[in-house]
Amino acid sequence: MMLPSRHYESEHTRFIRELLQERPELVEKQREARAIWWDKRPRELAEERTMDQSRVPQSPYVYDSDS
C-alpha cells in the first residue's frame, strides 16, 4: 500500500482553503449558525431539561386504543 505524498493536498481541501481566502466572512457566519443551533446557554439547557422531565409518556403505538 502506498501512502500519499506529504505534499499532497486533496481537491476538497484546496477548495475549502480557496473559498475561505475569497470569502473570509464565512468563518463568522459559521460561528453564528453554530450558536443558533448548537451552543446553548445554561438557562436554555435548564428549560429544556424541565420540558423533558414534564413530558407525558406515549405508548409505542399511538393508534392502539387498548393501551
C-alpha atoms as a PDB file:
ATOM      1  CA  MET A   1       0.000   0.000   0.000  1.00  0.00           C
ATOM      2  CA  MET A   2       1.413   3.368  -0.993  1.00  0.00           C
ATOM      3  CA  LEU A   3       0.992   6.292   1.337  1.00  0.00           C
ATOM      4  CA  PRO A   4       0.150   9.677  -0.150  1.00  0.00           C
ATOM      5  CA  SER A   5       2.900  12.219  -0.538  1.00  0.00           C
ATOM      6  CA  ARG A   6       3.428  14.617   2.346  1.00  0.00           C
ATOM      7  CA  HIS A   7       2.815  17.482  -0.046  1.00  0.00           C
ATOM      8  CA  TYR A   8      -0.411  16.035  -1.396  1.00  0.00           C
ATOM      9  CA  GLU A   9      -3.496  18.224  -1.000  1.00  0.00           C
ATOM     10  CA  SER A  10      -6.911  16.861  -1.904  1.00  0.00           C
ATOM     11  CA  GLU A  11      -9.271  18.745  -4.163  1.00  0.00           C
ATOM     12  CA  HIS A  12     -11.678  19.196  -1.268  1.00  0.00           C
ATOM     13  CA  THR A  13      -9.010  20.702   0.980  1.00  0.00           C
ATOM     14  CA  ARG A  14      -7.886  23.020  -1.790  1.00  0.00           C
ATOM     15  CA  PHE A  15     -11.484  24.059  -2.492  1.00  0.00           C
ATOM     16  CA  ILE A  16     -12.205  24.906   1.158  1.00  0.00           C
ATOM     17  CA  ARG A  17      -8.906  26.769   1.576  1.00  0.00           C
ATOM     18  CA  GLU A  18      -9.509  28.846  -1.566  1.00  0.00           C
ATOM     19  CA  LEU A  19     -13.130  29.504  -0.631  1.00  0.00           C
ATOM     20  CA  LEU A  20     -12.133  30.821   2.788  1.00  0.00           C
ATOM     21  CA  GLN A  21      -9.449  33.010   1.225  1.00  0.00           C
ATOM     22  CA  GLU A  22     -12.009  34.512  -1.153  1.00  0.00           C
ATOM     23  CA  ARG A  23     -14.784  34.853   1.441  1.00  0.00           C
ATOM     24  CA  PRO A  24     -13.323  35.177   4.973  1.00  0.00           C
ATOM     25  CA  GLU A  25     -16.724  36.268   6.347  1.00  0.00           C
ATOM     26  CA  LEU A  26     -17.891  32.652   6.057  1.00  0.00           C
ATOM     27  CA  VAL A  27     -15.998  31.761   9.225  1.00  0.00           C
ATOM     28  CA  GLU A  28     -18.005  34.282  11.258  1.00  0.00           C
ATOM     29  CA  LYS A  29     -21.276  33.187   9.628  1.00  0.00           C
ATOM     30  CA  GLN A  30     -20.431  29.604  10.548  1.00  0.00           C
ATOM     31  CA  ARG A  31     -19.885  30.638  14.192  1.00  0.00           C
ATOM     32  CA  GLU A  32     -23.218  32.478  14.232  1.00  0.00           C
ATOM     33  CA  ALA A  33     -25.062  29.490  12.787  1.00  0.00           C
ATOM     34  CA  ARG A  34     -23.443  27.157  15.305  1.00  0.00           C
ATOM     35  CA  ALA A  35     -24.535  29.464  18.119  1.00  0.00           C
ATOM     36  CA  ILE A  36     -28.130  29.294  16.905  1.00  0.00           C
ATOM     37  CA  TRP A  37     -28.341  25.519  16.618  1.00  0.00           C
ATOM     38  CA  TRP A  38     -25.759  24.044  18.993  1.00  0.00           C
ATOM     39  CA  ASP A  39     -24.297  26.423  21.562  1.00  0.00           C
ATOM     40  CA  LYS A  40     -26.870  26.802  24.327  1.00  0.00           C
ATOM     41  CA  ARG A  41     -26.753  28.968  27.423  1.00  0.00           C
ATOM     42  CA  PRO A  42     -27.188  27.227  30.803  1.00  0.00           C
ATOM     43  CA  ARG A  43     -30.624  28.817  31.230  1.00  0.00           C
ATOM     44  CA  GLU A  44     -31.817  27.378  27.914  1.00  0.00           C
ATOM     45  CA  LEU A  45     -30.481  23.948  28.871  1.00  0.00           C
ATOM     46  CA  ALA A  46     -32.309  24.114  32.227  1.00  0.00           C
ATOM     47  CA  GLU A  47     -35.566  24.992  30.458  1.00  0.00           C
ATOM     48  CA  GLU A  48     -35.099  22.127  28.032  1.00  0.00           C
ATOM     49  CA  ARG A  49     -34.386  19.723  30.912  1.00  0.00           C
ATOM     50  CA  THR A  50     -37.597  20.858  32.659  1.00  0.00           C
ATOM     51  CA  MET A  51     -39.621  20.289  29.500  1.00  0.00           C
ATOM     52  CA  ASP A  52     -38.089  16.830  29.062  1.00  0.00           C
ATOM     53  CA  GLN A  53     -38.927  15.868  32.646  1.00  0.00           C
ATOM     54  CA  SER A  54     -42.531  17.034  32.326  1.00  0.00           C
ATOM     55  CA  ARG A  55     -43.148  15.161  29.092  1.00  0.00           C
ATOM     56  CA  VAL A  56     -46.032  12.662  29.236  1.00  0.00           C
ATOM     57  CA  PRO A  57     -45.006   9.143  28.203  1.00  0.00           C
ATOM     58  CA  GLN A  58     -46.565   7.999  24.966  1.00  0.00           C
ATOM     59  CA  SER A  59     -47.484   4.425  24.129  1.00  0.00           C
ATOM     60  CA  PRO A  60     -45.306   2.784  21.470  1.00  0.00           C
ATOM     61  CA  TYR A  61     -48.196   2.505  19.036  1.00  0.00           C
ATOM     62  CA  VAL A  62     -50.317   5.635  19.283  1.00  0.00           C
ATOM     63  CA  TYR A  63     -53.229   4.275  17.233  1.00  0.00           C
ATOM     64  CA  ASP A  64     -53.830   1.343  19.550  1.00  0.00           C
ATOM     65  CA  SER A  65     -56.803   2.195  21.768  1.00  0.00           C
ATOM     66  CA  ASP A  66     -56.143  -0.680  24.216  1.00  0.00           C
ATOM     67  CA  SER A  67     -53.010   0.817  25.739  1.00  0.00           C
END
